[in-house]
Amino acid sequence: MDYKASELPSVAALSFLGDAVHGLYVRRMLVERGLCRSGELNDAARVYVSAEGQAQQAARVLPHLLEREQDVYRRAYNSGHLNRPRHASGADYRAATGFEAVLGMLSFEEKDDRIAALMHIAICADDQND
């Protein structure tokens, strides 16, 4: 179901939800690849779930976003209350937040197929480099 922008949670809430969706997707992918030791899993996941990794994924996904997904991305990217970690650039953190907000909106709207399609685009370049 498509919600009107005014019916959706805040972009901060969508980013919070999207972070969990993204993390779960990445962790499942790593387990499916056969990684089983916790240290190995954590090291591999860090590449994908860091602000820098998510910013790279966002750059791959941006050309494929629908108009309303672009709107949510832009609103989250431009939100002024971001508390970026010390190890991430502001641009990377904003891009990661925008990507997470899109995933959060899609999760809120129960659009699992769309999440899977965007995540495939987001990580396929990384898979090509393995």
N, C-alpha and C. Protein backbone atom coordinates (compact mmCIF):
# COMPACT_ATOMS: atom_id res chain seq x y z
N MET A 1 0.84 -1.18 0.00
CA MET A 1 0.00 0.00 0.00
C MET A 1 0.89 1.24 0.00
N ASP A 2 0.57 2.17 -0.88
CA ASP A 2 1.29 3.44 -0.91
C ASP A 2 0.63 4.43 0.05
N TYR A 3 1.39 4.88 1.02
CA TYR A 3 0.90 5.90 1.95
C TYR A 3 1.21 7.27 1.38
N LYS A 4 0.39 8.25 1.70
CA LYS A 4 0.70 9.63 1.38
C LYS A 4 1.89 10.03 2.24
N ALA A 5 2.68 10.99 1.76
CA ALA A 5 3.85 11.43 2.51
C ALA A 5 3.48 11.85 3.93
N SER A 6 2.33 12.49 4.08
CA SER A 6 1.91 12.95 5.40
C SER A 6 1.49 11.81 6.33
N GLU A 7 1.24 10.63 5.77
CA GLU A 7 0.83 9.47 6.56
C GLU A 7 2.02 8.61 7.00
N LEU A 8 3.17 8.85 6.39
CA LEU A 8 4.36 8.07 6.73
C LEU A 8 4.98 8.58 8.02
N PRO A 9 5.70 7.71 8.72
CA PRO A 9 6.48 8.18 9.87
C PRO A 9 7.53 9.19 9.42
N SER A 10 8.15 9.86 10.36
CA SER A 10 9.21 10.83 10.03
C SER A 10 10.36 10.13 9.31
N VAL A 11 11.17 10.92 8.60
CA VAL A 11 12.31 10.31 7.92
C VAL A 11 13.30 9.73 8.93
N ALA A 12 13.38 10.30 10.12
CA ALA A 12 14.25 9.72 11.15
C ALA A 12 13.74 8.33 11.54
N ALA A 13 12.44 8.18 11.69
CA ALA A 13 11.87 6.88 12.02
C ALA A 13 12.03 5.90 10.86
N LEU A 14 11.84 6.38 9.64
CA LEU A 14 12.02 5.51 8.48
C LEU A 14 13.48 5.05 8.36
N SER A 15 14.42 5.95 8.64
CA SER A 15 15.84 5.59 8.60
C SER A 15 16.17 4.55 9.67
N PHE A 16 15.60 4.72 10.84
CA PHE A 16 15.79 3.77 11.93
C PHE A 16 15.30 2.38 11.51
N LEU A 17 14.11 2.33 10.93
CA LEU A 17 13.56 1.06 10.46
C LEU A 17 14.40 0.50 9.31
N GLY A 18 14.76 1.37 8.38
CA GLY A 18 15.54 0.95 7.22
C GLY A 18 16.91 0.42 7.59
N ASP A 19 17.52 0.96 8.63
CA ASP A 19 18.81 0.46 9.10
C ASP A 19 18.68 -1.01 9.52
N ALA A 20 17.60 -1.34 10.21
CA ALA A 20 17.37 -2.72 10.63
C ALA A 20 17.10 -3.62 9.43
N VAL A 21 16.31 -3.14 8.49
CA VAL A 21 16.01 -3.91 7.27
C VAL A 21 17.31 -4.19 6.51
N HIS A 22 18.11 -3.16 6.33
CA HIS A 22 19.39 -3.29 5.61
C HIS A 22 20.30 -4.28 6.32
N GLY A 23 20.44 -4.12 7.63
CA GLY A 23 21.31 -5.02 8.39
C GLY A 23 20.86 -6.46 8.32
N LEU A 24 19.58 -6.69 8.41
CA LEU A 24 19.06 -8.06 8.33
C LEU A 24 19.31 -8.65 6.94
N TYR A 25 19.08 -7.87 5.91
CA TYR A 25 19.31 -8.34 4.55
C TYR A 25 20.78 -8.72 4.36
N VAL A 26 21.69 -7.87 4.80
CA VAL A 26 23.12 -8.13 4.66
C VAL A 26 23.52 -9.37 5.45
N ARG A 27 23.06 -9.48 6.68
CA ARG A 27 23.41 -10.63 7.51
C ARG A 27 22.90 -11.94 6.90
N ARG A 28 21.69 -11.92 6.39
CA ARG A 28 21.15 -13.12 5.75
C ARG A 28 22.00 -13.50 4.54
N MET A 29 22.37 -12.51 3.72
CA MET A 29 23.19 -12.77 2.55
C MET A 29 24.52 -13.42 2.95
N LEU A 30 25.15 -12.91 4.01
CA LEU A 30 26.44 -13.46 4.44
C LEU A 30 26.30 -14.88 4.95
N VAL A 31 25.24 -15.16 5.69
CA VAL A 31 25.00 -16.53 6.17
C VAL A 31 24.73 -17.46 5.00
N GLU A 32 23.96 -16.98 4.02
CA GLU A 32 23.68 -17.80 2.83
C GLU A 32 24.95 -18.09 2.05
N ARG A 33 25.94 -17.22 2.13
CA ARG A 33 27.23 -17.44 1.46
C ARG A 33 28.09 -18.47 2.20
N GLY A 34 27.64 -18.88 3.35
CA GLY A 34 28.36 -19.93 4.08
C GLY A 34 29.27 -19.43 5.18
N LEU A 35 29.31 -18.15 5.44
CA LEU A 35 30.10 -17.66 6.56
C LEU A 35 29.42 -18.10 7.85
N CYS A 36 30.20 -18.58 8.80
CA CYS A 36 29.54 -19.08 10.02
C CYS A 36 30.23 -18.66 11.31
N ARG A 37 31.46 -18.19 11.24
CA ARG A 37 32.12 -17.74 12.48
C ARG A 37 31.78 -16.30 12.74
N SER A 38 31.50 -15.97 14.00
CA SER A 38 31.01 -14.64 14.33
C SER A 38 31.99 -13.53 13.93
N GLY A 39 33.26 -13.73 14.15
CA GLY A 39 34.24 -12.70 13.77
C GLY A 39 34.25 -12.48 12.27
N GLU A 40 34.19 -13.56 11.53
CA GLU A 40 34.14 -13.50 10.07
C GLU A 40 32.88 -12.76 9.60
N LEU A 41 31.76 -13.10 10.22
CA LEU A 41 30.48 -12.46 9.88
C LEU A 41 30.51 -10.97 10.18
N ASN A 42 31.01 -10.61 11.35
CA ASN A 42 31.05 -9.20 11.73
C ASN A 42 31.96 -8.39 10.82
N ASP A 43 33.12 -8.94 10.48
CA ASP A 43 34.04 -8.24 9.59
C ASP A 43 33.43 -8.05 8.21
N ALA A 44 32.79 -9.09 7.68
CA ALA A 44 32.18 -9.00 6.36
C ALA A 44 31.00 -8.03 6.38
N ALA A 45 30.19 -8.06 7.43
CA ALA A 45 29.01 -7.19 7.52
C ALA A 45 29.42 -5.73 7.61
N ARG A 46 30.50 -5.44 8.29
CA ARG A 46 30.95 -4.06 8.50
C ARG A 46 31.16 -3.35 7.16
N VAL A 47 31.63 -4.06 6.17
CA VAL A 47 31.86 -3.47 4.85
C VAL A 47 30.55 -2.95 4.26
N TYR A 48 29.48 -3.68 4.48
CA TYR A 48 28.18 -3.32 3.90
C TYR A 48 27.39 -2.33 4.75
N VAL A 49 27.47 -2.46 6.07
CA VAL A 49 26.58 -1.68 6.94
C VAL A 49 27.19 -0.38 7.44
N SER A 50 28.43 -0.10 7.10
CA SER A 50 29.04 1.17 7.47
C SER A 50 28.42 2.30 6.65
N ALA A 51 28.54 3.52 7.12
CA ALA A 51 28.01 4.66 6.38
C ALA A 51 28.66 4.74 5.00
N GLU A 52 29.96 4.49 4.93
CA GLU A 52 30.66 4.52 3.64
C GLU A 52 30.11 3.44 2.70
N GLY A 53 29.93 2.24 3.21
CA GLY A 53 29.39 1.15 2.40
C GLY A 53 27.98 1.44 1.92
N GLN A 54 27.16 1.95 2.84
CA GLN A 54 25.78 2.28 2.46
C GLN A 54 25.74 3.44 1.47
N ALA A 55 26.64 4.39 1.59
CA ALA A 55 26.69 5.50 0.64
C ALA A 55 27.04 4.99 -0.76
N GLN A 56 27.96 4.05 -0.85
CA GLN A 56 28.30 3.45 -2.14
C GLN A 56 27.10 2.70 -2.71
N GLN A 57 26.38 2.00 -1.85
CA GLN A 57 25.18 1.29 -2.30
C GLN A 57 24.11 2.28 -2.75
N ALA A 58 23.95 3.37 -2.01
CA ALA A 58 22.97 4.39 -2.37
C ALA A 58 23.27 4.95 -3.76
N ALA A 59 24.54 5.18 -4.06
CA ALA A 59 24.92 5.71 -5.37
C ALA A 59 24.52 4.76 -6.49
N ARG A 60 24.62 3.46 -6.24
CA ARG A 60 24.21 2.48 -7.25
C ARG A 60 22.69 2.42 -7.40
N VAL A 61 21.98 2.66 -6.32
CA VAL A 61 20.52 2.52 -6.30
C VAL A 61 19.82 3.78 -6.82
N LEU A 62 20.40 4.95 -6.58
CA LEU A 62 19.73 6.22 -6.91
C LEU A 62 19.12 6.27 -8.31
N PRO A 63 19.82 5.84 -9.36
CA PRO A 63 19.23 5.93 -10.70
C PRO A 63 17.98 5.04 -10.88
N HIS A 64 17.76 4.12 -9.96
CA HIS A 64 16.66 3.16 -10.08
C HIS A 64 15.47 3.49 -9.18
N LEU A 65 15.59 4.56 -8.39
CA LEU A 65 14.51 4.90 -7.47
C LEU A 65 13.32 5.51 -8.20
N LEU A 66 12.13 5.13 -7.74
CA LEU A 66 10.90 5.72 -8.24
C LEU A 66 10.77 7.13 -7.65
N GLU A 67 9.89 7.93 -8.21
CA GLU A 67 9.78 9.33 -7.79
C GLU A 67 9.52 9.47 -6.30
N ARG A 68 8.59 8.71 -5.74
CA ARG A 68 8.29 8.85 -4.31
C ARG A 68 9.45 8.33 -3.45
N GLU A 69 10.20 7.35 -3.94
CA GLU A 69 11.39 6.89 -3.23
C GLU A 69 12.46 7.98 -3.25
N GLN A 70 12.60 8.66 -4.39
CA GLN A 70 13.54 9.78 -4.49
C GLN A 70 13.17 10.89 -3.51
N ASP A 71 11.88 11.15 -3.38
CA ASP A 71 11.42 12.18 -2.45
C ASP A 71 11.81 11.85 -1.01
N VAL A 72 11.61 10.61 -0.60
CA VAL A 72 11.97 10.19 0.76
C VAL A 72 13.48 10.25 0.94
N TYR A 73 14.22 9.78 -0.07
CA TYR A 73 15.68 9.83 -0.02
C TYR A 73 16.14 11.27 0.19
N ARG A 74 15.61 12.18 -0.62
CA ARG A 74 16.02 13.58 -0.56
C ARG A 74 15.68 14.20 0.79
N ARG A 75 14.48 13.92 1.30
CA ARG A 75 14.09 14.47 2.60
C ARG A 75 15.01 13.97 3.71
N ALA A 76 15.34 12.69 3.68
CA ALA A 76 16.22 12.13 4.71
C ALA A 76 17.64 12.66 4.55
N TYR A 77 18.11 12.73 3.31
CA TYR A 77 19.46 13.23 3.03
C TYR A 77 19.62 14.66 3.56
N ASN A 78 18.58 15.45 3.40
CA ASN A 78 18.64 16.86 3.77
C ASN A 78 18.19 17.16 5.19
N SER A 79 17.77 16.14 5.93
CA SER A 79 17.32 16.41 7.30
C SER A 79 18.49 16.93 8.12
N GLY A 80 18.24 17.94 8.93
CA GLY A 80 19.31 18.65 9.59
C GLY A 80 19.73 18.11 10.94
N HIS A 81 19.07 17.10 11.45
CA HIS A 81 19.35 16.64 12.81
C HIS A 81 20.20 15.38 12.86
N LEU A 82 21.01 15.16 11.87
CA LEU A 82 21.80 13.93 11.81
C LEU A 82 23.01 14.01 12.75
N ASN A 83 23.23 12.97 13.48
CA ASN A 83 24.39 12.86 14.37
C ASN A 83 25.36 11.87 13.74
N ARG A 84 26.21 12.37 12.87
CA ARG A 84 27.09 11.45 12.16
C ARG A 84 28.22 10.95 13.06
N PRO A 85 28.61 9.69 12.88
CA PRO A 85 29.73 9.16 13.63
C PRO A 85 31.05 9.82 13.19
N ARG A 86 32.03 9.78 14.04
CA ARG A 86 33.32 10.42 13.76
C ARG A 86 34.02 9.84 12.55
N HIS A 87 33.82 8.57 12.28
CA HIS A 87 34.55 7.90 11.20
C HIS A 87 33.88 8.01 9.83
N ALA A 88 32.77 8.75 9.72
CA ALA A 88 32.06 8.88 8.44
C ALA A 88 32.03 10.34 8.01
N SER A 89 32.14 10.55 6.71
CA SER A 89 32.00 11.92 6.21
C SER A 89 30.53 12.32 6.27
N GLY A 90 30.28 13.60 6.29
CA GLY A 90 28.90 14.08 6.31
C GLY A 90 28.12 13.62 5.09
N ALA A 91 28.76 13.67 3.92
CA ALA A 91 28.08 13.25 2.69
C ALA A 91 27.74 11.77 2.72
N ASP A 92 28.68 10.95 3.19
CA ASP A 92 28.41 9.51 3.28
C ASP A 92 27.28 9.23 4.26
N TYR A 93 27.31 9.91 5.39
CA TYR A 93 26.28 9.67 6.39
C TYR A 93 24.90 10.11 5.89
N ARG A 94 24.83 11.22 5.19
CA ARG A 94 23.55 11.68 4.65
C ARG A 94 23.03 10.73 3.57
N ALA A 95 23.93 10.25 2.70
CA ALA A 95 23.53 9.29 1.66
C ALA A 95 23.04 7.99 2.29
N ALA A 96 23.76 7.51 3.31
CA ALA A 96 23.35 6.28 4.00
C ALA A 96 21.99 6.47 4.66
N THR A 97 21.77 7.62 5.27
CA THR A 97 20.50 7.91 5.92
C THR A 97 19.37 7.94 4.90
N GLY A 98 19.62 8.54 3.74
CA GLY A 98 18.62 8.57 2.69
C GLY A 98 18.26 7.18 2.20
N PHE A 99 19.28 6.34 2.01
CA PHE A 99 19.06 4.97 1.55
C PHE A 99 18.27 4.18 2.61
N GLU A 100 18.65 4.34 3.85
CA GLU A 100 17.93 3.66 4.94
C GLU A 100 16.47 4.11 5.00
N ALA A 101 16.22 5.38 4.78
CA ALA A 101 14.84 5.90 4.82
C ALA A 101 14.00 5.27 3.72
N VAL A 102 14.58 5.11 2.55
CA VAL A 102 13.85 4.46 1.45
C VAL A 102 13.51 3.02 1.83
N LEU A 103 14.50 2.29 2.36
CA LEU A 103 14.24 0.91 2.79
C LEU A 103 13.19 0.87 3.90
N GLY A 104 13.25 1.85 4.81
CA GLY A 104 12.28 1.92 5.89
C GLY A 104 10.88 2.15 5.37
N MET A 105 10.74 3.06 4.39
CA MET A 105 9.42 3.32 3.81
C MET A 105 8.89 2.06 3.14
N LEU A 106 9.74 1.39 2.39
CA LEU A 106 9.30 0.17 1.70
C LEU A 106 8.92 -0.92 2.69
N SER A 107 9.64 -1.02 3.78
CA SER A 107 9.29 -1.98 4.81
C SER A 107 7.97 -1.61 5.47
N PHE A 108 7.81 -0.34 5.77
CA PHE A 108 6.56 0.15 6.39
C PHE A 108 5.37 -0.16 5.49
N GLU A 109 5.59 -0.06 4.19
CA GLU A 109 4.53 -0.33 3.22
C GLU A 109 4.47 -1.80 2.81
N GLU A 110 5.30 -2.62 3.45
CA GLU A 110 5.34 -4.07 3.22
C GLU A 110 5.63 -4.43 1.77
N LYS A 111 6.61 -3.74 1.17
CA LYS A 111 7.01 -3.97 -0.22
C LYS A 111 8.33 -4.74 -0.25
N ASP A 112 8.26 -5.97 0.20
CA ASP A 112 9.46 -6.80 0.31
C ASP A 112 10.13 -7.07 -1.04
N ASP A 113 9.34 -7.23 -2.10
CA ASP A 113 9.92 -7.47 -3.42
C ASP A 113 10.75 -6.27 -3.88
N ARG A 114 10.27 -5.07 -3.60
CA ARG A 114 11.00 -3.87 -3.99
C ARG A 114 12.28 -3.74 -3.18
N ILE A 115 12.21 -4.06 -1.89
CA ILE A 115 13.41 -4.04 -1.05
C ILE A 115 14.45 -5.00 -1.62
N ALA A 116 14.01 -6.21 -1.95
CA ALA A 116 14.94 -7.21 -2.50
C ALA A 116 15.56 -6.72 -3.80
N ALA A 117 14.76 -6.09 -4.67
CA ALA A 117 15.28 -5.60 -5.94
C ALA A 117 16.32 -4.51 -5.73
N LEU A 118 16.03 -3.56 -4.83
CA LEU A 118 16.99 -2.48 -4.57
C LEU A 118 18.25 -3.01 -3.89
N MET A 119 18.09 -3.92 -2.97
CA MET A 119 19.27 -4.48 -2.29
C MET A 119 20.12 -5.29 -3.26
N HIS A 120 19.50 -5.94 -4.21
CA HIS A 120 20.27 -6.67 -5.23
C HIS A 120 21.12 -5.68 -6.03
N ILE A 121 20.51 -4.58 -6.44
CA ILE A 121 21.26 -3.54 -7.16
C ILE A 121 22.37 -2.98 -6.27
N ALA A 122 22.04 -2.75 -5.01
CA ALA A 122 22.98 -2.12 -4.08
C ALA A 122 24.23 -2.96 -3.86
N ILE A 123 24.07 -4.26 -3.78
CA ILE A 123 25.22 -5.10 -3.44
C ILE A 123 25.78 -5.90 -4.60
N CYS A 124 25.15 -5.86 -5.76
CA CYS A 124 25.64 -6.69 -6.86
C CYS A 124 27.03 -6.28 -7.31
N ALA A 125 27.36 -5.00 -7.30
CA ALA A 125 28.70 -4.56 -7.66
C ALA A 125 29.74 -5.10 -6.69
N ASP A 126 29.37 -5.17 -5.40
CA ASP A 126 30.28 -5.74 -4.42
C ASP A 126 30.49 -7.22 -4.68
N ASP A 127 29.42 -7.92 -5.08
CA ASP A 127 29.53 -9.34 -5.38
C ASP A 127 30.45 -9.58 -6.58
N GLN A 128 30.42 -8.67 -7.56
CA GLN A 128 31.25 -8.81 -8.74
C GLN A 128 32.73 -8.68 -8.39
N ASN A 129 33.03 -7.95 -7.28
CA ASN A 129 34.41 -7.70 -6.88
C ASN A 129 34.94 -8.73 -5.90
N ASP A 130 34.11 -9.68 -5.47
CA ASP A 130 34.57 -10.69 -4.50
C ASP A 130 35.52 -11.67 -5.14
